[in-house]
N, C-alpha and C. Protein backbone atom coordinates (compact mmCIF):
# COMPACT_ATOMS: atom_id res chain seq x y z
N UNK A 1 144.48 306.25 137.33
CA UNK A 1 145.23 305.38 136.46
C UNK A 1 146.25 306.21 135.67
N UNK A 2 147.47 305.75 135.63
CA UNK A 2 148.52 306.43 134.87
C UNK A 2 148.51 305.85 133.46
N UNK A 3 148.43 306.72 132.48
CA UNK A 3 148.37 306.30 131.10
C UNK A 3 149.76 305.91 130.60
N UNK A 4 149.80 305.03 129.63
CA UNK A 4 151.06 304.56 129.07
C UNK A 4 151.67 305.60 128.15
N UNK A 5 152.98 305.56 127.99
CA UNK A 5 153.67 306.47 127.09
C UNK A 5 154.56 307.43 127.86
N UNK A 6 155.63 307.83 127.23
CA UNK A 6 156.61 308.67 127.91
C UNK A 6 156.07 310.06 128.21
N UNK A 7 155.29 310.64 127.31
CA UNK A 7 154.82 312.01 127.49
C UNK A 7 153.36 312.07 127.90
N UNK A 8 152.86 311.01 128.48
CA UNK A 8 151.45 311.00 128.86
C UNK A 8 151.21 311.99 129.99
N UNK A 9 149.96 312.38 130.12
CA UNK A 9 149.58 313.33 131.14
C UNK A 9 149.06 312.61 132.37
N UNK A 10 149.35 313.18 133.52
CA UNK A 10 148.89 312.63 134.79
C UNK A 10 147.94 313.63 135.42
N UNK A 11 146.96 313.13 136.14
CA UNK A 11 146.01 313.98 136.86
C UNK A 11 146.60 314.37 138.22
N UNK A 12 145.93 315.28 138.90
CA UNK A 12 146.35 315.66 140.25
C UNK A 12 146.35 314.44 141.15
N UNK A 13 145.32 313.63 141.05
CA UNK A 13 145.23 312.44 141.89
C UNK A 13 146.38 311.47 141.60
N UNK A 14 146.71 311.29 140.33
CA UNK A 14 147.81 310.39 139.97
C UNK A 14 149.14 310.90 140.50
N UNK A 15 149.38 312.20 140.38
CA UNK A 15 150.62 312.79 140.91
C UNK A 15 150.67 312.64 142.42
N UNK A 16 149.56 312.94 143.08
CA UNK A 16 149.51 312.81 144.54
C UNK A 16 149.80 311.38 144.97
N UNK A 17 149.18 310.41 144.32
CA UNK A 17 149.43 309.00 144.64
C UNK A 17 150.88 308.61 144.38
N UNK A 18 151.41 309.07 143.25
CA UNK A 18 152.80 308.76 142.89
C UNK A 18 153.78 309.30 143.92
N UNK A 19 153.51 310.51 144.43
CA UNK A 19 154.40 311.13 145.41
C UNK A 19 154.03 310.79 146.85
N UNK A 20 152.94 310.08 147.05
CA UNK A 20 152.51 309.71 148.40
C UNK A 20 151.97 310.90 149.19
N UNK A 21 151.29 311.80 148.49
CA UNK A 21 150.76 313.01 149.11
C UNK A 21 149.25 313.08 148.92
N UNK A 22 148.64 314.06 149.59
CA UNK A 22 147.22 314.32 149.40
C UNK A 22 147.05 315.22 148.18
N UNK A 23 145.88 315.11 147.54
CA UNK A 23 145.60 315.97 146.38
C UNK A 23 145.71 317.44 146.74
N UNK A 24 145.26 317.82 147.93
CA UNK A 24 145.29 319.21 148.34
C UNK A 24 146.72 319.76 148.36
N UNK A 25 147.69 318.93 148.70
CA UNK A 25 149.09 319.36 148.68
C UNK A 25 149.51 319.75 147.28
N UNK A 26 149.10 318.97 146.29
CA UNK A 26 149.44 319.28 144.89
C UNK A 26 148.79 320.60 144.49
N UNK A 27 147.52 320.79 144.86
CA UNK A 27 146.85 322.07 144.56
C UNK A 27 147.56 323.23 145.25
N UNK A 28 147.98 323.03 146.49
CA UNK A 28 148.71 324.08 147.22
C UNK A 28 150.02 324.42 146.51
N UNK A 29 150.76 323.40 146.09
CA UNK A 29 152.02 323.63 145.39
C UNK A 29 151.79 324.36 144.08
N UNK A 30 150.70 324.05 143.38
CA UNK A 30 150.38 324.77 142.15
C UNK A 30 150.16 326.25 142.44
N UNK A 31 149.38 326.56 143.47
CA UNK A 31 149.10 327.97 143.78
C UNK A 31 150.34 328.68 144.30
N UNK A 32 151.25 327.94 144.94
CA UNK A 32 152.51 328.52 145.44
C UNK A 32 153.61 328.51 144.38
N UNK A 33 153.28 327.96 143.20
CA UNK A 33 154.22 327.85 142.08
C UNK A 33 155.44 327.00 142.41
N UNK A 34 155.26 326.01 143.28
CA UNK A 34 156.32 325.06 143.60
C UNK A 34 156.40 323.95 142.55
N UNK A 35 155.30 323.80 141.81
CA UNK A 35 155.21 322.79 140.76
C UNK A 35 154.38 323.39 139.63
N UNK A 36 154.65 322.95 138.41
CA UNK A 36 153.92 323.48 137.26
C UNK A 36 153.05 322.41 136.65
N UNK A 37 151.94 322.84 136.11
CA UNK A 37 151.03 321.93 135.44
C UNK A 37 150.36 322.63 134.28
N UNK A 38 149.52 321.89 133.61
CA UNK A 38 148.77 322.40 132.46
C UNK A 38 147.30 322.34 132.84
N UNK A 39 146.62 323.46 132.78
CA UNK A 39 145.20 323.47 133.09
C UNK A 39 144.42 323.30 131.79
N UNK A 40 143.66 322.23 131.73
CA UNK A 40 142.83 321.93 130.57
C UNK A 40 141.38 322.02 131.04
N UNK A 41 140.73 323.08 130.62
CA UNK A 41 139.38 323.33 131.14
C UNK A 41 139.47 323.66 132.62
N UNK A 42 138.85 322.84 133.43
CA UNK A 42 138.88 323.06 134.88
C UNK A 42 139.80 322.10 135.61
N UNK A 43 140.49 321.24 134.88
CA UNK A 43 141.34 320.24 135.53
C UNK A 43 142.81 320.46 135.21
N UNK A 44 143.65 320.11 136.17
CA UNK A 44 145.09 320.21 136.00
C UNK A 44 145.64 318.88 135.50
N UNK A 45 146.64 318.97 134.63
CA UNK A 45 147.36 317.80 134.14
C UNK A 45 148.85 318.09 134.21
N UNK A 46 149.62 317.01 134.34
CA UNK A 46 151.07 317.12 134.47
C UNK A 46 151.71 316.14 133.51
N UNK A 47 152.73 316.61 132.80
CA UNK A 47 153.47 315.71 131.93
C UNK A 47 154.32 314.79 132.80
N UNK A 48 154.24 313.50 132.49
CA UNK A 48 154.96 312.50 133.28
C UNK A 48 156.47 312.82 133.34
N UNK A 49 157.05 313.20 132.20
CA UNK A 49 158.49 313.51 132.17
C UNK A 49 158.81 314.70 133.07
N UNK A 50 157.91 315.70 133.10
CA UNK A 50 158.13 316.85 133.97
C UNK A 50 158.14 316.43 135.43
N UNK A 51 157.23 315.57 135.83
CA UNK A 51 157.16 315.13 137.23
C UNK A 51 158.43 314.38 137.61
N UNK A 52 158.91 313.51 136.73
CA UNK A 52 160.14 312.78 137.01
C UNK A 52 161.33 313.73 137.14
N UNK A 53 161.43 314.70 136.23
CA UNK A 53 162.53 315.67 136.28
C UNK A 53 162.42 316.54 137.53
N UNK A 54 161.22 317.00 137.86
CA UNK A 54 161.00 317.82 139.04
C UNK A 54 161.43 317.06 140.30
N UNK A 55 161.09 315.78 140.37
CA UNK A 55 161.45 314.97 141.53
C UNK A 55 162.96 314.84 141.65
N UNK A 56 163.65 314.62 140.53
CA UNK A 56 165.12 314.54 140.54
C UNK A 56 165.73 315.85 141.05
N UNK A 57 165.19 316.98 140.58
CA UNK A 57 165.71 318.28 141.02
C UNK A 57 165.49 318.50 142.51
N UNK A 58 164.36 318.04 143.02
CA UNK A 58 164.08 318.19 144.44
C UNK A 58 165.07 317.37 145.27
N UNK A 59 165.40 316.21 144.79
CA UNK A 59 166.39 315.36 145.50
C UNK A 59 167.76 316.01 145.49
N UNK A 60 168.15 316.61 144.34
CA UNK A 60 169.45 317.27 144.26
C UNK A 60 169.54 318.44 145.22
N UNK A 61 168.45 319.25 145.27
CA UNK A 61 168.43 320.42 146.16
C UNK A 61 168.52 319.98 147.62
N UNK A 62 167.86 318.90 147.96
CA UNK A 62 167.86 318.42 149.35
C UNK A 62 169.25 317.90 149.74
N UNK A 63 169.95 317.30 148.78
CA UNK A 63 171.28 316.74 149.06
C UNK A 63 172.39 317.77 148.97
N UNK A 64 172.10 318.94 148.44
CA UNK A 64 173.15 319.97 148.26
C UNK A 64 173.51 320.63 149.58
């Protein structure tokens, strides 16, 4: 479930669902430093605004 609010945090599963990917892909990207997140305890979280901005940048790079 994606929480309400502009700066809410998303889980790995939420990001994977949002991007249409498997959770393992998100974990792989984290280890490859293709995407950044915040580790809280043993779980990763992502700021919603960061994911939106990251996605826009990926589209720009692909179109360049």
